[in-house]
Amino acid sequence: MPQKSTVKKPAESRRTTAATPSVGGRIVEGLKEALAWSKGEPSSARVNLVRVPDIDIRELRRGMGLSQSQFASKFGLPPGTLRNWEQGRARPDAPTRVLLAVIAKHPEAVADVLDKAS
């Protein structure tokens, strides 16, 4: 009867050491840290908070000398949404406020990017 050849893997490739946690172990540890942080408990979690500015959209638009429809068209915003923001019926979400902050500082850069994209 022919013998089967078996190849054994080196022992070090089959084991993980306590110093090197598995990917799953690191994920679980990260989730535990996040949960502790969210509950206000001591945690080694690193948290970076970014303050997103509030922009007076009406003041920004008027400062640029644009009507609502011109501003909306130039920067790819729905005119009705812009009206709602200016009248206080709605508030732009955080990513939109970031875009508005960039428009306030560098309107030509945003307009240039949008012109090239279309």
N, C-alpha and C. Protein backbone atom coordinates (compact mmCIF):
# COMPACT_ATOMS: atom_id res chain seq x y z
N MET A 1 0.83 -1.16 0.00
CA MET A 1 0.00 0.00 0.00
C MET A 1 0.89 1.24 0.00
N PRO A 2 0.63 2.20 -0.94
CA PRO A 2 1.49 3.38 -1.01
C PRO A 2 1.27 4.29 0.19
N GLN A 3 2.34 4.90 0.58
CA GLN A 3 2.27 5.80 1.73
C GLN A 3 1.84 7.19 1.27
N LYS A 4 1.02 7.79 2.08
CA LYS A 4 0.62 9.17 1.81
C LYS A 4 1.69 10.09 2.37
N SER A 5 2.03 11.07 1.55
CA SER A 5 2.99 12.03 2.07
C SER A 5 2.22 13.18 2.69
N THR A 6 2.62 13.58 3.81
CA THR A 6 1.98 14.70 4.48
C THR A 6 3.00 15.81 4.67
N VAL A 7 2.53 16.98 4.42
CA VAL A 7 3.39 18.15 4.62
C VAL A 7 2.89 18.85 5.86
N LYS A 8 3.78 19.00 6.81
CA LYS A 8 3.39 19.68 8.05
C LYS A 8 3.81 21.13 7.96
N LYS A 9 2.91 21.98 8.42
CA LYS A 9 3.21 23.39 8.47
C LYS A 9 4.04 23.66 9.71
N PRO A 10 4.92 24.63 9.62
CA PRO A 10 5.68 24.97 10.81
C PRO A 10 4.75 25.45 11.91
N ALA A 11 5.08 25.14 13.12
CA ALA A 11 4.22 25.47 14.26
C ALA A 11 3.97 26.96 14.38
N GLU A 12 4.96 27.80 14.05
CA GLU A 12 4.76 29.24 14.22
C GLU A 12 3.74 29.81 13.26
N SER A 13 3.47 29.18 12.13
CA SER A 13 2.49 29.72 11.20
C SER A 13 1.07 29.35 11.58
N ARG A 14 0.92 28.39 12.48
CA ARG A 14 -0.42 27.98 12.88
C ARG A 14 -0.92 28.70 14.12
N ARG A 15 -0.04 29.31 14.86
CA ARG A 15 -0.43 29.93 16.13
C ARG A 15 -0.31 31.45 16.04
N THR A 16 -1.20 32.10 16.78
CA THR A 16 -1.02 33.53 16.97
C THR A 16 -0.58 33.71 18.41
N THR A 17 0.29 34.62 18.63
CA THR A 17 0.78 34.85 19.99
C THR A 17 -0.08 35.89 20.66
N ALA A 18 0.05 35.98 21.97
CA ALA A 18 -0.72 36.96 22.72
C ALA A 18 -0.31 38.38 22.31
N ALA A 19 0.92 38.56 21.88
CA ALA A 19 1.40 39.88 21.48
C ALA A 19 0.82 40.30 20.13
N THR A 20 0.37 39.37 19.32
CA THR A 20 -0.17 39.68 18.01
C THR A 20 -1.62 39.20 17.93
N PRO A 21 -2.57 40.09 18.29
CA PRO A 21 -3.98 39.66 18.23
C PRO A 21 -4.43 39.49 16.79
N SER A 22 -5.41 38.67 16.62
CA SER A 22 -5.97 38.44 15.29
C SER A 22 -6.73 39.68 14.82
N VAL A 23 -7.04 39.73 13.55
CA VAL A 23 -7.81 40.85 13.01
C VAL A 23 -9.15 40.95 13.73
N GLY A 24 -9.79 39.82 13.89
CA GLY A 24 -11.08 39.80 14.59
C GLY A 24 -10.95 40.31 16.01
N GLY A 25 -9.87 39.92 16.67
CA GLY A 25 -9.64 40.37 18.04
C GLY A 25 -9.45 41.88 18.12
N ARG A 26 -8.75 42.44 17.13
CA ARG A 26 -8.54 43.89 17.11
C ARG A 26 -9.86 44.62 16.84
N ILE A 27 -10.69 44.05 15.99
CA ILE A 27 -12.00 44.66 15.71
C ILE A 27 -12.86 44.65 16.96
N VAL A 28 -12.90 43.52 17.64
CA VAL A 28 -13.69 43.41 18.86
C VAL A 28 -13.19 44.41 19.91
N GLU A 29 -11.88 44.51 20.06
CA GLU A 29 -11.30 45.46 21.02
C GLU A 29 -11.68 46.89 20.66
N GLY A 30 -11.62 47.23 19.38
CA GLY A 30 -12.01 48.57 18.94
C GLY A 30 -13.47 48.86 19.22
N LEU A 31 -14.32 47.87 19.00
CA LEU A 31 -15.75 48.06 19.29
C LEU A 31 -16.00 48.25 20.78
N LYS A 32 -15.26 47.52 21.61
CA LYS A 32 -15.39 47.68 23.06
C LYS A 32 -14.96 49.09 23.48
N GLU A 33 -13.87 49.59 22.89
CA GLU A 33 -13.41 50.94 23.21
C GLU A 33 -14.44 51.97 22.78
N ALA A 34 -15.00 51.81 21.59
CA ALA A 34 -16.01 52.75 21.08
C ALA A 34 -17.25 52.74 21.96
N LEU A 35 -17.66 51.57 22.38
CA LEU A 35 -18.84 51.46 23.25
C LEU A 35 -18.58 52.13 24.59
N ALA A 36 -17.41 51.88 25.17
CA ALA A 36 -17.06 52.52 26.44
C ALA A 36 -17.05 54.04 26.29
N TRP A 37 -16.45 54.54 25.20
CA TRP A 37 -16.39 55.99 24.97
C TRP A 37 -17.80 56.56 24.84
N SER A 38 -18.68 55.86 24.10
CA SER A 38 -20.04 56.37 23.89
C SER A 38 -20.84 56.42 25.19
N LYS A 39 -20.47 55.57 26.16
CA LYS A 39 -21.14 55.57 27.46
C LYS A 39 -20.50 56.54 28.44
N GLY A 40 -19.41 57.19 28.02
CA GLY A 40 -18.72 58.12 28.91
C GLY A 40 -17.77 57.44 29.87
N GLU A 41 -17.49 56.18 29.64
CA GLU A 41 -16.58 55.43 30.51
C GLU A 41 -15.14 55.68 30.05
N PRO A 42 -14.18 55.44 30.96
CA PRO A 42 -12.78 55.59 30.56
C PRO A 42 -12.46 54.66 29.38
N SER A 43 -11.73 55.18 28.42
CA SER A 43 -11.43 54.41 27.23
C SER A 43 -10.13 54.91 26.63
N SER A 44 -9.44 54.02 25.95
CA SER A 44 -8.22 54.43 25.26
C SER A 44 -8.52 54.83 23.82
N ALA A 45 -9.80 54.96 23.49
CA ALA A 45 -10.20 55.34 22.13
C ALA A 45 -9.72 56.75 21.83
N ARG A 46 -9.25 56.95 20.61
CA ARG A 46 -8.83 58.27 20.15
C ARG A 46 -9.97 58.85 19.33
N VAL A 47 -10.42 60.03 19.73
CA VAL A 47 -11.57 60.66 19.08
C VAL A 47 -11.15 62.02 18.57
N ASN A 48 -11.42 62.28 17.30
CA ASN A 48 -11.15 63.57 16.70
C ASN A 48 -12.48 64.21 16.33
N LEU A 49 -12.77 65.33 16.97
CA LEU A 49 -14.01 66.04 16.68
C LEU A 49 -13.68 67.26 15.83
N VAL A 50 -14.45 67.45 14.78
CA VAL A 50 -14.26 68.58 13.89
C VAL A 50 -15.49 69.46 13.98
N ARG A 51 -15.27 70.73 14.23
CA ARG A 51 -16.38 71.67 14.29
C ARG A 51 -16.70 72.12 12.87
N VAL A 52 -17.89 71.83 12.42
CA VAL A 52 -18.33 72.24 11.08
C VAL A 52 -19.00 73.60 11.22
N PRO A 53 -18.51 74.59 10.47
CA PRO A 53 -19.03 75.94 10.66
C PRO A 53 -20.46 76.12 10.19
N ASP A 54 -21.15 77.07 10.83
CA ASP A 54 -22.46 77.51 10.34
C ASP A 54 -22.20 78.72 9.45
N ILE A 55 -22.79 78.72 8.29
CA ILE A 55 -22.60 79.78 7.32
C ILE A 55 -23.92 80.51 7.12
N ASP A 56 -23.87 81.84 7.15
CA ASP A 56 -25.06 82.64 6.82
C ASP A 56 -25.16 82.65 5.30
N ILE A 57 -25.99 81.80 4.77
CA ILE A 57 -26.05 81.59 3.33
C ILE A 57 -26.55 82.84 2.62
N ARG A 58 -27.54 83.49 3.18
CA ARG A 58 -28.06 84.71 2.55
C ARG A 58 -26.96 85.77 2.46
N GLU A 59 -26.22 85.95 3.54
CA GLU A 59 -25.13 86.93 3.55
C GLU A 59 -24.04 86.54 2.55
N LEU A 60 -23.71 85.26 2.48
CA LEU A 60 -22.72 84.79 1.52
C LEU A 60 -23.15 85.09 0.09
N ARG A 61 -24.38 84.71 -0.21
CA ARG A 61 -24.90 84.89 -1.57
C ARG A 61 -24.97 86.37 -1.94
N ARG A 62 -25.50 87.18 -1.03
CA ARG A 62 -25.61 88.63 -1.31
C ARG A 62 -24.23 89.27 -1.44
N GLY A 63 -23.28 88.81 -0.64
CA GLY A 63 -21.92 89.33 -0.73
C GLY A 63 -21.28 89.04 -2.08
N MET A 64 -21.73 87.98 -2.71
CA MET A 64 -21.22 87.63 -4.04
C MET A 64 -22.01 88.34 -5.14
N GLY A 65 -23.08 89.04 -4.75
CA GLY A 65 -23.88 89.76 -5.72
C GLY A 65 -24.71 88.85 -6.61
N LEU A 66 -25.13 87.70 -6.07
CA LEU A 66 -25.89 86.73 -6.87
C LEU A 66 -27.31 86.59 -6.33
N SER A 67 -28.24 86.35 -7.23
CA SER A 67 -29.61 86.01 -6.84
C SER A 67 -29.61 84.56 -6.34
N GLN A 68 -30.71 84.18 -5.74
CA GLN A 68 -30.81 82.79 -5.28
C GLN A 68 -30.62 81.82 -6.43
N SER A 69 -31.29 82.07 -7.54
CA SER A 69 -31.19 81.14 -8.67
C SER A 69 -29.79 81.13 -9.26
N GLN A 70 -29.12 82.29 -9.31
CA GLN A 70 -27.75 82.34 -9.83
C GLN A 70 -26.79 81.56 -8.92
N PHE A 71 -26.91 81.79 -7.62
CA PHE A 71 -26.04 81.11 -6.65
C PHE A 71 -26.27 79.60 -6.72
N ALA A 72 -27.54 79.20 -6.72
CA ALA A 72 -27.88 77.78 -6.77
C ALA A 72 -27.32 77.14 -8.03
N SER A 73 -27.49 77.80 -9.16
CA SER A 73 -27.01 77.27 -10.43
C SER A 73 -25.49 77.20 -10.47
N LYS A 74 -24.82 78.23 -9.99
CA LYS A 74 -23.36 78.29 -10.03
C LYS A 74 -22.71 77.19 -9.19
N PHE A 75 -23.35 76.84 -8.07
CA PHE A 75 -22.73 75.88 -7.15
C PHE A 75 -23.48 74.54 -7.06
N GLY A 76 -24.40 74.31 -7.99
CA GLY A 76 -25.06 73.00 -8.09
C GLY A 76 -26.00 72.68 -6.96
N LEU A 77 -26.69 73.69 -6.47
CA LEU A 77 -27.64 73.48 -5.36
C LEU A 77 -29.06 73.64 -5.88
N PRO A 78 -30.00 72.89 -5.35
CA PRO A 78 -31.41 73.08 -5.75
C PRO A 78 -31.91 74.43 -5.24
N PRO A 79 -32.50 75.25 -6.12
CA PRO A 79 -32.98 76.58 -5.70
C PRO A 79 -33.97 76.53 -4.54
N GLY A 80 -34.87 75.56 -4.54
CA GLY A 80 -35.84 75.45 -3.46
C GLY A 80 -35.17 75.15 -2.12
N THR A 81 -34.14 74.33 -2.17
CA THR A 81 -33.40 74.01 -0.94
C THR A 81 -32.69 75.26 -0.42
N LEU A 82 -32.08 76.01 -1.32
CA LEU A 82 -31.41 77.26 -0.93
C LEU A 82 -32.40 78.22 -0.28
N ARG A 83 -33.60 78.36 -0.87
CA ARG A 83 -34.63 79.22 -0.29
C ARG A 83 -34.99 78.75 1.12
N ASN A 84 -35.16 77.44 1.28
CA ASN A 84 -35.52 76.90 2.60
C ASN A 84 -34.43 77.20 3.63
N TRP A 85 -33.17 77.09 3.23
CA TRP A 85 -32.07 77.40 4.15
C TRP A 85 -32.12 78.87 4.55
N GLU A 86 -32.28 79.74 3.56
CA GLU A 86 -32.27 81.17 3.85
C GLU A 86 -33.45 81.59 4.70
N GLN A 87 -34.58 80.93 4.53
CA GLN A 87 -35.78 81.29 5.29
C GLN A 87 -35.87 80.54 6.61
N GLY A 88 -34.88 79.72 6.92
CA GLY A 88 -34.85 79.03 8.20
C GLY A 88 -35.76 77.83 8.32
N ARG A 89 -36.33 77.37 7.22
CA ARG A 89 -37.20 76.19 7.26
C ARG A 89 -36.41 74.90 7.28
N ALA A 90 -35.16 74.98 6.84
CA ALA A 90 -34.29 73.79 6.83
C ALA A 90 -32.87 74.27 7.12
N ARG A 91 -32.01 73.31 7.43
CA ARG A 91 -30.62 73.62 7.73
C ARG A 91 -29.74 72.69 6.91
N PRO A 92 -28.68 73.20 6.31
CA PRO A 92 -27.80 72.32 5.54
C PRO A 92 -27.13 71.29 6.46
N ASP A 93 -26.94 70.08 5.93
CA ASP A 93 -26.25 69.06 6.72
C ASP A 93 -24.75 69.40 6.79
N ALA A 94 -24.00 68.65 7.58
CA ALA A 94 -22.59 68.95 7.82
C ALA A 94 -21.74 68.99 6.55
N PRO A 95 -21.84 67.99 5.64
CA PRO A 95 -21.03 68.08 4.43
C PRO A 95 -21.36 69.31 3.58
N THR A 96 -22.64 69.69 3.53
CA THR A 96 -23.03 70.87 2.76
C THR A 96 -22.49 72.13 3.42
N ARG A 97 -22.49 72.18 4.77
CA ARG A 97 -21.92 73.34 5.46
C ARG A 97 -20.42 73.45 5.19
N VAL A 98 -19.74 72.31 5.07
CA VAL A 98 -18.32 72.35 4.71
C VAL A 98 -18.16 72.95 3.31
N LEU A 99 -18.98 72.49 2.36
CA LEU A 99 -18.94 73.04 1.01
C LEU A 99 -19.21 74.54 1.03
N LEU A 100 -20.20 74.98 1.79
CA LEU A 100 -20.51 76.40 1.87
C LEU A 100 -19.36 77.20 2.48
N ALA A 101 -18.65 76.61 3.44
CA ALA A 101 -17.49 77.28 4.03
C ALA A 101 -16.38 77.43 2.99
N VAL A 102 -16.20 76.42 2.15
CA VAL A 102 -15.20 76.51 1.07
C VAL A 102 -15.64 77.56 0.07
N ILE A 103 -16.91 77.59 -0.26
CA ILE A 103 -17.42 78.61 -1.19
C ILE A 103 -17.18 80.00 -0.61
N ALA A 104 -17.38 80.17 0.69
CA ALA A 104 -17.17 81.47 1.32
C ALA A 104 -15.71 81.93 1.21
N LYS A 105 -14.78 81.00 1.28
CA LYS A 105 -13.35 81.35 1.23
C LYS A 105 -12.78 81.33 -0.18
N HIS A 106 -13.21 80.38 -0.99
CA HIS A 106 -12.64 80.18 -2.32
C HIS A 106 -13.72 79.86 -3.35
N PRO A 107 -14.62 80.79 -3.61
CA PRO A 107 -15.71 80.50 -4.54
C PRO A 107 -15.22 80.16 -5.94
N GLU A 108 -14.13 80.81 -6.36
CA GLU A 108 -13.62 80.55 -7.71
C GLU A 108 -13.11 79.12 -7.85
N ALA A 109 -12.54 78.57 -6.80
CA ALA A 109 -12.04 77.19 -6.86
C ALA A 109 -13.20 76.20 -7.02
N VAL A 110 -14.26 76.41 -6.25
CA VAL A 110 -15.42 75.52 -6.34
C VAL A 110 -16.08 75.64 -7.71
N ALA A 111 -16.25 76.87 -8.18
CA ALA A 111 -16.86 77.08 -9.50
C ALA A 111 -16.00 76.44 -10.60
N ASP A 112 -14.68 76.58 -10.47
CA ASP A 112 -13.76 75.99 -11.45
C ASP A 112 -13.88 74.47 -11.50
N VAL A 113 -13.92 73.84 -10.33
CA VAL A 113 -14.06 72.38 -10.27
C VAL A 113 -15.38 71.95 -10.88
N LEU A 114 -16.45 72.65 -10.56
CA LEU A 114 -17.76 72.28 -11.10
C LEU A 114 -17.84 72.51 -12.60
N ASP A 115 -17.22 73.58 -13.09
CA ASP A 115 -17.21 73.84 -14.54
C ASP A 115 -16.47 72.73 -15.28
N LYS A 116 -15.35 72.28 -14.73
CA LYS A 116 -14.56 71.23 -15.39
C LYS A 116 -15.26 69.88 -15.33
N ALA A 117 -16.08 69.67 -14.29
CA ALA A 117 -16.77 68.39 -14.14
C ALA A 117 -17.95 68.26 -15.10
N SER A 118 -18.48 69.39 -15.56
CA SER A 118 -19.66 69.31 -16.42
C SER A 118 -19.33 69.47 -17.88
